[in-house]
């Protein structure tokens, strides 16, 4: 869940719509990040 490994994910998901896989804590941080970018509902 470090930014140098997940920080570009919201920008990537604006171009492609595919499933994202990660451990519980990683997905927990990603969920919050996608919510800030208004992408959570579509991922």
ModelCIF file with pLDDT and N, C-alpha, C, O atoms, coordinates in Angstrom:
data_MODEL
#
_entry.id   MODEL 
#
_entity.id                         1 
_entity.type                       polymer 
_entity.pdbx_number_of_molecules   1 
#
_entity_poly.entity_id                      1 
_entity_poly.type                           'polypeptide(L)' 
_entity_poly.nstd_linkage                   no 
_entity_poly.nstd_monomer                   no 
_entity_poly.pdbx_seq_one_letter_code       
;(UNK)(UNK)(UNK)(UNK)(UNK)(UNK)(UNK)(UNK)(UNK)(UNK)(UNK)(UNK)(UNK)(UNK)(UNK)(UNK)
(UNK)(UNK)(UNK)(UNK)(UNK)(UNK)(UNK)(UNK)(UNK)(UNK)(UNK)(UNK)(UNK)(UNK)(UNK)(UNK)
(UNK)(UNK)(UNK)(UNK)(UNK)(UNK)(UNK)(UNK)(UNK)(UNK)(UNK)
;
_entity_poly.pdbx_seq_one_letter_code_can   XXXXXXXXXXXXXXXXXXXXXXXXXXXXXXXXXXXXXXXXXXX 
_entity_poly.pdbx_strand_id                 A 
#
loop_
_entity_poly_seq.entity_id 
_entity_poly_seq.num 
_entity_poly_seq.mon_id 
_entity_poly_seq.hetero 
1 1  UNK n 
1 2  UNK n 
1 3  UNK n 
1 4  UNK n 
1 5  UNK n 
1 6  UNK n 
1 7  UNK n 
1 8  UNK n 
1 9  UNK n 
1 10 UNK n 
1 11 UNK n 
1 12 UNK n 
1 13 UNK n 
1 14 UNK n 
1 15 UNK n 
1 16 UNK n 
1 17 UNK n 
1 18 UNK n 
1 19 UNK n 
1 20 UNK n 
1 21 UNK n 
1 22 UNK n 
1 23 UNK n 
1 24 UNK n 
1 25 UNK n 
1 26 UNK n 
1 27 UNK n 
1 28 UNK n 
1 29 UNK n 
1 30 UNK n 
1 31 UNK n 
1 32 UNK n 
1 33 UNK n 
1 34 UNK n 
1 35 UNK n 
1 36 UNK n 
1 37 UNK n 
1 38 UNK n 
1 39 UNK n 
1 40 UNK n 
1 41 UNK n 
1 42 UNK n 
1 43 UNK n 
#
_struct_asym.id          A 
_struct_asym.entity_id   1 
#
loop_
_ma_qa_metric.id 
_ma_qa_metric.mode 
_ma_qa_metric.name 
_ma_qa_metric.software_group_id 
_ma_qa_metric.type 
1 global pLDDT . pLDDT 
2 local  pLDDT . pLDDT 
#
_ma_qa_metric_global.metric_id      1 
_ma_qa_metric_global.metric_value   94.84 
_ma_qa_metric_global.model_id       1 
_ma_qa_metric_global.ordinal_id     1 
#
loop_
_ma_qa_metric_local.label_asym_id 
_ma_qa_metric_local.label_comp_id 
_ma_qa_metric_local.label_seq_id 
_ma_qa_metric_local.metric_id 
_ma_qa_metric_local.metric_value 
_ma_qa_metric_local.model_id 
_ma_qa_metric_local.ordinal_id 
A UNK 1  2 96.00 1 1  
A UNK 2  2 95.00 1 2  
A UNK 3  2 94.00 1 3  
A UNK 4  2 94.00 1 4  
A UNK 5  2 97.00 1 5  
A UNK 6  2 97.00 1 6  
A UNK 7  2 94.00 1 7  
A UNK 8  2 95.00 1 8  
A UNK 9  2 97.00 1 9  
A UNK 10 2 94.00 1 10 
A UNK 11 2 93.00 1 11 
A UNK 12 2 95.00 1 12 
A UNK 13 2 95.00 1 13 
A UNK 14 2 89.00 1 14 
A UNK 15 2 86.00 1 15 
A UNK 16 2 93.00 1 16 
A UNK 17 2 93.00 1 17 
A UNK 18 2 96.00 1 18 
A UNK 19 2 97.00 1 19 
A UNK 20 2 98.00 1 20 
A UNK 21 2 98.00 1 21 
A UNK 22 2 97.00 1 22 
A UNK 23 2 97.00 1 23 
A UNK 24 2 96.00 1 24 
A UNK 25 2 97.00 1 25 
A UNK 26 2 97.00 1 26 
A UNK 27 2 97.00 1 27 
A UNK 28 2 97.00 1 28 
A UNK 29 2 97.00 1 29 
A UNK 30 2 97.00 1 30 
A UNK 31 2 96.00 1 31 
A UNK 32 2 95.00 1 32 
A UNK 33 2 94.00 1 33 
A UNK 34 2 96.00 1 34 
A UNK 35 2 95.00 1 35 
A UNK 36 2 92.00 1 36 
A UNK 37 2 91.00 1 37 
A UNK 38 2 92.00 1 38 
A UNK 39 2 94.00 1 39 
A UNK 40 2 94.00 1 40 
A UNK 41 2 93.00 1 41 
A UNK 42 2 93.00 1 42 
A UNK 43 2 95.00 1 43 
#
loop_
_atom_site.group_PDB 
_atom_site.id 
_atom_site.type_symbol 
_atom_site.label_atom_id 
_atom_site.label_alt_id 
_atom_site.label_comp_id 
_atom_site.label_asym_id 
_atom_site.label_entity_id 
_atom_site.label_seq_id 
_atom_site.pdbx_PDB_ins_code 
_atom_site.Cartn_x 
_atom_site.Cartn_y 
_atom_site.Cartn_z 
_atom_site.occupancy 
_atom_site.B_iso_or_equiv 
_atom_site.pdbx_formal_charge 
_atom_site.auth_seq_id 
_atom_site.auth_comp_id 
_atom_site.auth_asym_id 
_atom_site.auth_atom_id 
_atom_site.pdbx_PDB_model_num 
ATOM 1   N N  . UNK A 1 1  ? 0.788   -1.241 0.000   1.00 96.00 ? 1  UNK A N  1 
ATOM 2   C CA . UNK A 1 1  ? 0.000   0.000  0.000   1.00 96.00 ? 1  UNK A CA 1 
ATOM 3   C C  . UNK A 1 1  ? 0.818   1.288  0.000   1.00 96.00 ? 1  UNK A C  1 
ATOM 4   O O  . UNK A 1 1  ? 0.288   2.335  0.371   1.00 96.00 ? 1  UNK A O  1 
ATOM 5   N N  . UNK A 1 2  ? 2.076   1.252  -0.398  1.00 95.00 ? 2  UNK A N  1 
ATOM 6   C CA . UNK A 1 2  ? 2.842   2.498  -0.476  1.00 95.00 ? 2  UNK A CA 1 
ATOM 7   C C  . UNK A 1 2  ? 2.504   3.271  -1.751  1.00 95.00 ? 2  UNK A C  1 
ATOM 8   O O  . UNK A 1 2  ? 2.156   2.687  -2.777  1.00 95.00 ? 2  UNK A O  1 
ATOM 9   N N  . UNK A 1 3  ? 2.614   4.597  -1.661  1.00 94.00 ? 3  UNK A N  1 
ATOM 10  C CA . UNK A 1 3  ? 2.240   5.458  -2.784  1.00 94.00 ? 3  UNK A CA 1 
ATOM 11  C C  . UNK A 1 3  ? 3.045   5.159  -4.040  1.00 94.00 ? 3  UNK A C  1 
ATOM 12  O O  . UNK A 1 3  ? 2.525   5.282  -5.150  1.00 94.00 ? 3  UNK A O  1 
ATOM 13  N N  . UNK A 1 4  ? 4.308   4.767  -3.882  1.00 94.00 ? 4  UNK A N  1 
ATOM 14  C CA . UNK A 1 4  ? 5.122   4.478  -5.072  1.00 94.00 ? 4  UNK A CA 1 
ATOM 15  C C  . UNK A 1 4  ? 4.730   3.170  -5.731  1.00 94.00 ? 4  UNK A C  1 
ATOM 16  O O  . UNK A 1 4  ? 5.352   2.739  -6.702  1.00 94.00 ? 4  UNK A O  1 
ATOM 17  N N  . UNK A 1 5  ? 3.672   2.529  -5.185  1.00 97.00 ? 5  UNK A N  1 
ATOM 18  C CA . UNK A 1 5  ? 3.146   1.295  -5.795  1.00 97.00 ? 5  UNK A CA 1 
ATOM 19  C C  . UNK A 1 5  ? 1.650   1.376  -6.093  1.00 97.00 ? 5  UNK A C  1 
ATOM 20  O O  . UNK A 1 5  ? 1.144   0.605  -6.908  1.00 97.00 ? 5  UNK A O  1 
ATOM 21  N N  . UNK A 1 6  ? 0.942   2.290  -5.452  1.00 97.00 ? 6  UNK A N  1 
ATOM 22  C CA . UNK A 1 6  ? -0.506  2.392  -5.709  1.00 97.00 ? 6  UNK A CA 1 
ATOM 23  C C  . UNK A 1 6  ? -0.954  3.804  -6.083  1.00 97.00 ? 6  UNK A C  1 
ATOM 24  O O  . UNK A 1 6  ? -2.111  3.996  -6.457  1.00 97.00 ? 6  UNK A O  1 
ATOM 25  N N  . UNK A 1 7  ? -0.066  4.793  -5.991  1.00 94.00 ? 7  UNK A N  1 
ATOM 26  C CA . UNK A 1 7  ? -0.473  6.192  -6.157  1.00 94.00 ? 7  UNK A CA 1 
ATOM 27  C C  . UNK A 1 7  ? -1.009  6.549  -7.522  1.00 94.00 ? 7  UNK A C  1 
ATOM 28  O O  . UNK A 1 7  ? -1.809  7.476  -7.649  1.00 94.00 ? 7  UNK A O  1 
ATOM 29  N N  . UNK A 1 8  ? -0.580  5.825  -8.557  1.00 95.00 ? 8  UNK A N  1 
ATOM 30  C CA . UNK A 1 8  ? -1.040  6.126  -9.919  1.00 95.00 ? 8  UNK A CA 1 
ATOM 31  C C  . UNK A 1 8  ? -2.286  5.341  -10.303 1.00 95.00 ? 8  UNK A C  1 
ATOM 32  O O  . UNK A 1 8  ? -2.806  5.492  -11.409 1.00 95.00 ? 8  UNK A O  1 
ATOM 33  N N  . UNK A 1 9  ? -2.764  4.503  -9.390  1.00 97.00 ? 9  UNK A N  1 
ATOM 34  C CA . UNK A 1 9  ? -3.918  3.639  -9.714  1.00 97.00 ? 9  UNK A CA 1 
ATOM 35  C C  . UNK A 1 9  ? -5.155  4.426  -10.147 1.00 97.00 ? 9  UNK A C  1 
ATOM 36  O O  . UNK A 1 9  ? -5.779  4.037  -11.134 1.00 97.00 ? 9  UNK A O  1 
ATOM 37  N N  . UNK A 1 10 ? -5.549  5.512  -9.467  1.00 94.00 ? 10 UNK A N  1 
ATOM 38  C CA . UNK A 1 10 ? -6.741  6.250  -9.922  1.00 94.00 ? 10 UNK A CA 1 
ATOM 39  C C  . UNK A 1 10 ? -6.614  6.766  -11.349 1.00 94.00 ? 10 UNK A C  1 
ATOM 40  O O  . UNK A 1 10 ? -7.599  6.792  -12.088 1.00 94.00 ? 10 UNK A O  1 
ATOM 41  N N  . UNK A 1 11 ? -5.427  7.173  -11.739 1.00 93.00 ? 11 UNK A N  1 
ATOM 42  C CA . UNK A 1 11 ? -5.217  7.681  -13.106 1.00 93.00 ? 11 UNK A CA 1 
ATOM 43  C C  . UNK A 1 11 ? -5.275  6.541  -14.122 1.00 93.00 ? 11 UNK A C  1 
ATOM 44  O O  . UNK A 1 11 ? -5.781  6.711  -15.231 1.00 93.00 ? 11 UNK A O  1 
ATOM 45  N N  . UNK A 1 12 ? -4.750  5.373  -13.728 1.00 95.00 ? 12 UNK A N  1 
ATOM 46  C CA . UNK A 1 12 ? -4.813  4.204  -14.598 1.00 95.00 ? 12 UNK A CA 1 
ATOM 47  C C  . UNK A 1 12 ? -6.249  3.750  -14.807 1.00 95.00 ? 12 UNK A C  1 
ATOM 48  O O  . UNK A 1 12 ? -6.632  3.385  -15.919 1.00 95.00 ? 12 UNK A O  1 
ATOM 49  N N  . UNK A 1 13 ? -7.050  3.773  -13.735 1.00 95.00 ? 13 UNK A N  1 
ATOM 50  C CA . UNK A 1 13 ? -8.431  3.274  -13.815 1.00 95.00 ? 13 UNK A CA 1 
ATOM 51  C C  . UNK A 1 13 ? -9.366  4.218  -14.560 1.00 95.00 ? 13 UNK A C  1 
ATOM 52  O O  . UNK A 1 13 ? -10.524 3.883  -14.808 1.00 95.00 ? 13 UNK A O  1 
ATOM 53  N N  . UNK A 1 14 ? -8.871  5.383  -14.912 1.00 89.00 ? 14 UNK A N  1 
ATOM 54  C CA . UNK A 1 14 ? -9.652  6.266  -15.768 1.00 89.00 ? 14 UNK A CA 1 
ATOM 55  C C  . UNK A 1 14 ? -9.594  5.815  -17.227 1.00 89.00 ? 14 UNK A C  1 
ATOM 56  O O  . UNK A 1 14 ? -10.428 6.210  -18.042 1.00 89.00 ? 14 UNK A O  1 
ATOM 57  N N  . UNK A 1 15 ? -8.595  4.981  -17.549 1.00 86.00 ? 15 UNK A N  1 
ATOM 58  C CA . UNK A 1 15 ? -8.425  4.509  -18.926 1.00 86.00 ? 15 UNK A CA 1 
ATOM 59  C C  . UNK A 1 15 ? -8.904  3.084  -19.126 1.00 86.00 ? 15 UNK A C  1 
ATOM 60  O O  . UNK A 1 15 ? -9.356  2.725  -20.213 1.00 86.00 ? 15 UNK A O  1 
ATOM 61  N N  . UNK A 1 16 ? -8.809  2.268  -18.083 1.00 93.00 ? 16 UNK A N  1 
ATOM 62  C CA . UNK A 1 16 ? -9.207  0.859  -18.225 1.00 93.00 ? 16 UNK A CA 1 
ATOM 63  C C  . UNK A 1 16 ? -10.134 0.479  -17.081 1.00 93.00 ? 16 UNK A C  1 
ATOM 64  O O  . UNK A 1 16 ? -10.046 1.042  -15.989 1.00 93.00 ? 16 UNK A O  1 
ATOM 65  N N  . UNK A 1 17 ? -11.022 -0.476 -17.331 1.00 93.00 ? 17 UNK A N  1 
ATOM 66  C CA . UNK A 1 17 ? -11.963 -0.947 -16.316 1.00 93.00 ? 17 UNK A CA 1 
ATOM 67  C C  . UNK A 1 17 ? -11.723 -2.434 -16.115 1.00 93.00 ? 17 UNK A C  1 
ATOM 68  O O  . UNK A 1 17 ? -12.298 -3.273 -16.809 1.00 93.00 ? 17 UNK A O  1 
ATOM 69  N N  . UNK A 1 18 ? -10.855 -2.747 -15.144 1.00 96.00 ? 18 UNK A N  1 
ATOM 70  C CA . UNK A 1 18 ? -10.483 -4.136 -14.869 1.00 96.00 ? 18 UNK A CA 1 
ATOM 71  C C  . UNK A 1 18 ? -10.467 -4.341 -13.359 1.00 96.00 ? 18 UNK A C  1 
ATOM 72  O O  . UNK A 1 18 ? -10.380 -3.370 -12.608 1.00 96.00 ? 18 UNK A O  1 
ATOM 73  N N  . UNK A 1 19 ? -10.551 -5.595 -12.903 1.00 97.00 ? 19 UNK A N  1 
ATOM 74  C CA . UNK A 1 19 ? -10.499 -5.845 -11.459 1.00 97.00 ? 19 UNK A CA 1 
ATOM 75  C C  . UNK A 1 19 ? -9.133  -5.520 -10.873 1.00 97.00 ? 19 UNK A C  1 
ATOM 76  O O  . UNK A 1 19 ? -8.110  -5.623 -11.549 1.00 97.00 ? 19 UNK A O  1 
ATOM 77  N N  . UNK A 1 20 ? -9.135  -5.124 -9.602  1.00 98.00 ? 20 UNK A N  1 
ATOM 78  C CA . UNK A 1 20 ? -7.906  -4.811 -8.872  1.00 98.00 ? 20 UNK A CA 1 
ATOM 79  C C  . UNK A 1 20 ? -7.778  -5.789 -7.716  1.00 98.00 ? 20 UNK A C  1 
ATOM 80  O O  . UNK A 1 20 ? -8.732  -5.988 -6.964  1.00 98.00 ? 20 UNK A O  1 
ATOM 81  N N  . UNK A 1 21 ? -6.605  -6.402 -7.567  1.00 98.00 ? 21 UNK A N  1 
ATOM 82  C CA . UNK A 1 21 ? -6.369  -7.412 -6.545  1.00 98.00 ? 21 UNK A CA 1 
ATOM 83  C C  . UNK A 1 21 ? -5.316  -6.914 -5.555  1.00 98.00 ? 21 UNK A C  1 
ATOM 84  O O  . UNK A 1 21 ? -4.309  -6.327 -5.949  1.00 98.00 ? 21 UNK A O  1 
ATOM 85  N N  . UNK A 1 22 ? -5.562  -7.156 -4.261  1.00 97.00 ? 22 UNK A N  1 
ATOM 86  C CA . UNK A 1 22 ? -4.601  -6.777 -3.239  1.00 97.00 ? 22 UNK A CA 1 
ATOM 87  C C  . UNK A 1 22 ? -5.003  -7.356 -1.898  1.00 97.00 ? 22 UNK A C  1 
ATOM 88  O O  . UNK A 1 22 ? -6.126  -7.831 -1.729  1.00 97.00 ? 22 UNK A O  1 
ATOM 89  N N  . UNK A 1 23 ? -4.086  -7.316 -0.949  1.00 97.00 ? 23 UNK A N  1 
ATOM 90  C CA . UNK A 1 23 ? -4.397  -7.802 0.397   1.00 97.00 ? 23 UNK A CA 1 
ATOM 91  C C  . UNK A 1 23 ? -5.368  -6.848 1.085   1.00 97.00 ? 23 UNK A C  1 
ATOM 92  O O  . UNK A 1 23 ? -5.670  -5.775 0.563   1.00 97.00 ? 23 UNK A O  1 
ATOM 93  N N  . UNK A 1 24 ? -5.852  -7.243 2.255   1.00 96.00 ? 24 UNK A N  1 
ATOM 94  C CA . UNK A 1 24 ? -6.925  -6.482 2.907   1.00 96.00 ? 24 UNK A CA 1 
ATOM 95  C C  . UNK A 1 24 ? -6.516  -5.043 3.208   1.00 96.00 ? 24 UNK A C  1 
ATOM 96  O O  . UNK A 1 24 ? -7.271  -4.112 2.926   1.00 96.00 ? 24 UNK A O  1 
ATOM 97  N N  . UNK A 1 25 ? -5.336  -4.858 3.774   1.00 97.00 ? 25 UNK A N  1 
ATOM 98  C CA . UNK A 1 25 ? -4.922  -3.493 4.110   1.00 97.00 ? 25 UNK A CA 1 
ATOM 99  C C  . UNK A 1 25 ? -4.689  -2.683 2.843   1.00 97.00 ? 25 UNK A C  1 
ATOM 100 O O  . UNK A 1 25 ? -5.087  -1.521 2.763   1.00 97.00 ? 25 UNK A O  1 
ATOM 101 N N  . UNK A 1 26 ? -4.044  -3.295 1.851   1.00 97.00 ? 26 UNK A N  1 
ATOM 102 C CA . UNK A 1 26 ? -3.793  -2.588 0.585   1.00 97.00 ? 26 UNK A CA 1 
ATOM 103 C C  . UNK A 1 26 ? -5.097  -2.138 -0.048  1.00 97.00 ? 26 UNK A C  1 
ATOM 104 O O  . UNK A 1 26 ? -5.216  -0.990 -0.476  1.00 97.00 ? 26 UNK A O  1 
ATOM 105 N N  . UNK A 1 27 ? -6.074  -3.029 -0.111  1.00 97.00 ? 27 UNK A N  1 
ATOM 106 C CA . UNK A 1 27 ? -7.367  -2.678 -0.707  1.00 97.00 ? 27 UNK A CA 1 
ATOM 107 C C  . UNK A 1 27 ? -8.084  -1.642 0.152   1.00 97.00 ? 27 UNK A C  1 
ATOM 108 O O  . UNK A 1 27 ? -8.803  -0.794 -0.377  1.00 97.00 ? 27 UNK A O  1 
ATOM 109 N N  . UNK A 1 28 ? -7.898  -1.700 1.473   1.00 97.00 ? 28 UNK A N  1 
ATOM 110 C CA . UNK A 1 28 ? -8.503  -0.694 2.342   1.00 97.00 ? 28 UNK A CA 1 
ATOM 111 C C  . UNK A 1 28 ? -7.995  0.703  2.022   1.00 97.00 ? 28 UNK A C  1 
ATOM 112 O O  . UNK A 1 28 ? -8.777  1.653  1.971   1.00 97.00 ? 28 UNK A O  1 
ATOM 113 N N  . UNK A 1 29 ? -6.685  0.834  1.803   1.00 97.00 ? 29 UNK A N  1 
ATOM 114 C CA . UNK A 1 29 ? -6.102  2.134  1.446   1.00 97.00 ? 29 UNK A CA 1 
ATOM 115 C C  . UNK A 1 29 ? -6.539  2.547  0.043   1.00 97.00 ? 29 UNK A C  1 
ATOM 116 O O  . UNK A 1 29 ? -6.836  3.716  -0.205  1.00 97.00 ? 29 UNK A O  1 
ATOM 117 N N  . UNK A 1 30 ? -6.575  1.576  -0.872  1.00 97.00 ? 30 UNK A N  1 
ATOM 118 C CA . UNK A 1 30 ? -6.995  1.864  -2.253  1.00 97.00 ? 30 UNK A CA 1 
ATOM 119 C C  . UNK A 1 30 ? -8.446  2.327  -2.276  1.00 97.00 ? 30 UNK A C  1 
ATOM 120 O O  . UNK A 1 30 ? -8.794  3.254  -3.007  1.00 97.00 ? 30 UNK A O  1 
ATOM 121 N N  . UNK A 1 31 ? -9.284  1.689  -1.483  1.00 96.00 ? 31 UNK A N  1 
ATOM 122 C CA . UNK A 1 31 ? -10.703 2.051  -1.444  1.00 96.00 ? 31 UNK A CA 1 
ATOM 123 C C  . UNK A 1 31 ? -10.856 3.535  -1.087  1.00 96.00 ? 31 UNK A C  1 
ATOM 124 O O  . UNK A 1 31 ? -11.632 4.254  -1.716  1.00 96.00 ? 31 UNK A O  1 
ATOM 125 N N  . UNK A 1 32 ? -10.121 3.977  -0.087  1.00 95.00 ? 32 UNK A N  1 
ATOM 126 C CA . UNK A 1 32 ? -10.186 5.383  0.324   1.00 95.00 ? 32 UNK A CA 1 
ATOM 127 C C  . UNK A 1 32 ? -9.686  6.300  -0.792  1.00 95.00 ? 32 UNK A C  1 
ATOM 128 O O  . UNK A 1 32 ? -10.253 7.366  -1.029  1.00 95.00 ? 32 UNK A O  1 
ATOM 129 N N  . UNK A 1 33 ? -8.629  5.878  -1.469  1.00 94.00 ? 33 UNK A N  1 
ATOM 130 C CA . UNK A 1 33 ? -8.055  6.679  -2.555  1.00 94.00 ? 33 UNK A CA 1 
ATOM 131 C C  . UNK A 1 33 ? -9.035  6.806  -3.730  1.00 94.00 ? 33 UNK A C  1 
ATOM 132 O O  . UNK A 1 33 ? -9.209  7.887  -4.292  1.00 94.00 ? 33 UNK A O  1 
ATOM 133 N N  . UNK A 1 34 ? -9.661  5.703  -4.083  1.00 96.00 ? 34 UNK A N  1 
ATOM 134 C CA . UNK A 1 34 ? -10.613 5.733  -5.198  1.00 96.00 ? 34 UNK A CA 1 
ATOM 135 C C  . UNK A 1 34 ? -11.849 6.557  -4.850  1.00 96.00 ? 34 UNK A C  1 
ATOM 136 O O  . UNK A 1 34 ? -12.445 7.197  -5.716  1.00 96.00 ? 34 UNK A O  1 
ATOM 137 N N  . UNK A 1 35 ? -12.222 6.534  -3.584  1.00 95.00 ? 35 UNK A N  1 
ATOM 138 C CA . UNK A 1 35 ? -13.366 7.328  -3.147  1.00 95.00 ? 35 UNK A CA 1 
ATOM 139 C C  . UNK A 1 35 ? -13.077 8.817  -3.334  1.00 95.00 ? 35 UNK A C  1 
ATOM 140 O O  . UNK A 1 35 ? -13.959 9.574  -3.741  1.00 95.00 ? 35 UNK A O  1 
ATOM 141 N N  . UNK A 1 36 ? -11.853 9.236  -3.040  1.00 92.00 ? 36 UNK A N  1 
ATOM 142 C CA . UNK A 1 36 ? -11.467 10.638 -3.216  1.00 92.00 ? 36 UNK A CA 1 
ATOM 143 C C  . UNK A 1 36 ? -11.522 11.058 -4.674  1.00 92.00 ? 36 UNK A C  1 
ATOM 144 O O  . UNK A 1 36 ? -11.771 12.223 -4.984  1.00 92.00 ? 36 UNK A O  1 
ATOM 145 N N  . UNK A 1 37 ? -11.284 10.091 -5.582  1.00 91.00 ? 37 UNK A N  1 
ATOM 146 C CA . UNK A 1 37 ? -11.302 10.373 -7.018  1.00 91.00 ? 37 UNK A CA 1 
ATOM 147 C C  . UNK A 1 37 ? -12.651 10.049 -7.661  1.00 91.00 ? 37 UNK A C  1 
ATOM 148 O O  . UNK A 1 37 ? -12.766 10.072 -8.887  1.00 91.00 ? 37 UNK A O  1 
ATOM 149 N N  . UNK A 1 38 ? -13.671 9.749  -6.857  1.00 92.00 ? 38 UNK A N  1 
ATOM 150 C CA . UNK A 1 38 ? -15.008 9.409  -7.366  1.00 92.00 ? 38 UNK A CA 1 
ATOM 151 C C  . UNK A 1 38 ? -14.987 8.217  -8.322  1.00 92.00 ? 38 UNK A C  1 
ATOM 152 O O  . UNK A 1 38 ? -15.708 8.198  -9.319  1.00 92.00 ? 38 UNK A O  1 
ATOM 153 N N  . UNK A 1 39 ? -14.149 7.217  -8.008  1.00 94.00 ? 39 UNK A N  1 
ATOM 154 C CA . UNK A 1 39 ? -14.027 6.046  -8.870  1.00 94.00 ? 39 UNK A CA 1 
ATOM 155 C C  . UNK A 1 39 ? -14.469 4.752  -8.190  1.00 94.00 ? 39 UNK A C  1 
ATOM 156 O O  . UNK A 1 39 ? -14.546 3.708  -8.836  1.00 94.00 ? 39 UNK A O  1 
ATOM 157 N N  . UNK A 1 40 ? -14.757 4.816  -6.898  1.00 94.00 ? 40 UNK A N  1 
ATOM 158 C CA . UNK A 1 40 ? -14.994 3.596  -6.141  1.00 94.00 ? 40 UNK A CA 1 
ATOM 159 C C  . UNK A 1 40 ? -16.155 2.775  -6.701  1.00 94.00 ? 40 UNK A C  1 
ATOM 160 O O  . UNK A 1 40 ? -16.075 1.548  -6.759  1.00 94.00 ? 40 UNK A O  1 
ATOM 161 N N  . UNK A 1 41 ? -17.215 3.437  -7.106  1.00 93.00 ? 41 UNK A N  1 
ATOM 162 C CA . UNK A 1 41 ? -18.413 2.720  -7.566  1.00 93.00 ? 41 UNK A CA 1 
ATOM 163 C C  . UNK A 1 41 ? -18.168 1.948  -8.861  1.00 93.00 ? 41 UNK A C  1 
ATOM 164 O O  . UNK A 1 41 ? -18.882 0.988  -9.150  1.00 93.00 ? 41 UNK A O  1 
ATOM 165 N N  . UNK A 1 42 ? -17.172 2.357  -9.639  1.00 93.00 ? 42 UNK A N  1 
ATOM 166 C CA . UNK A 1 42 ? -16.959 1.739  -10.952 1.00 93.00 ? 42 UNK A CA 1 
ATOM 167 C C  . UNK A 1 42 ? -15.826 0.727  -10.978 1.00 93.00 ? 42 UNK A C  1 
ATOM 168 O O  . UNK A 1 42 ? -15.512 0.188  -12.039 1.00 93.00 ? 42 UNK A O  1 
ATOM 169 N N  . UNK A 1 43 ? -15.199 0.453  -9.826  1.00 95.00 ? 43 UNK A N  1 
ATOM 170 C CA . UNK A 1 43 ? -14.036 -0.442 -9.794  1.00 95.00 ? 43 UNK A CA 1 
ATOM 171 C C  . UNK A 1 43 ? -14.365 -1.669 -8.952  1.00 95.00 ? 43 UNK A C  1 
ATOM 172 O O  . UNK A 1 43 ? -13.523 -2.552 -8.793  1.00 95.00 ? 43 UNK A O  1 
#
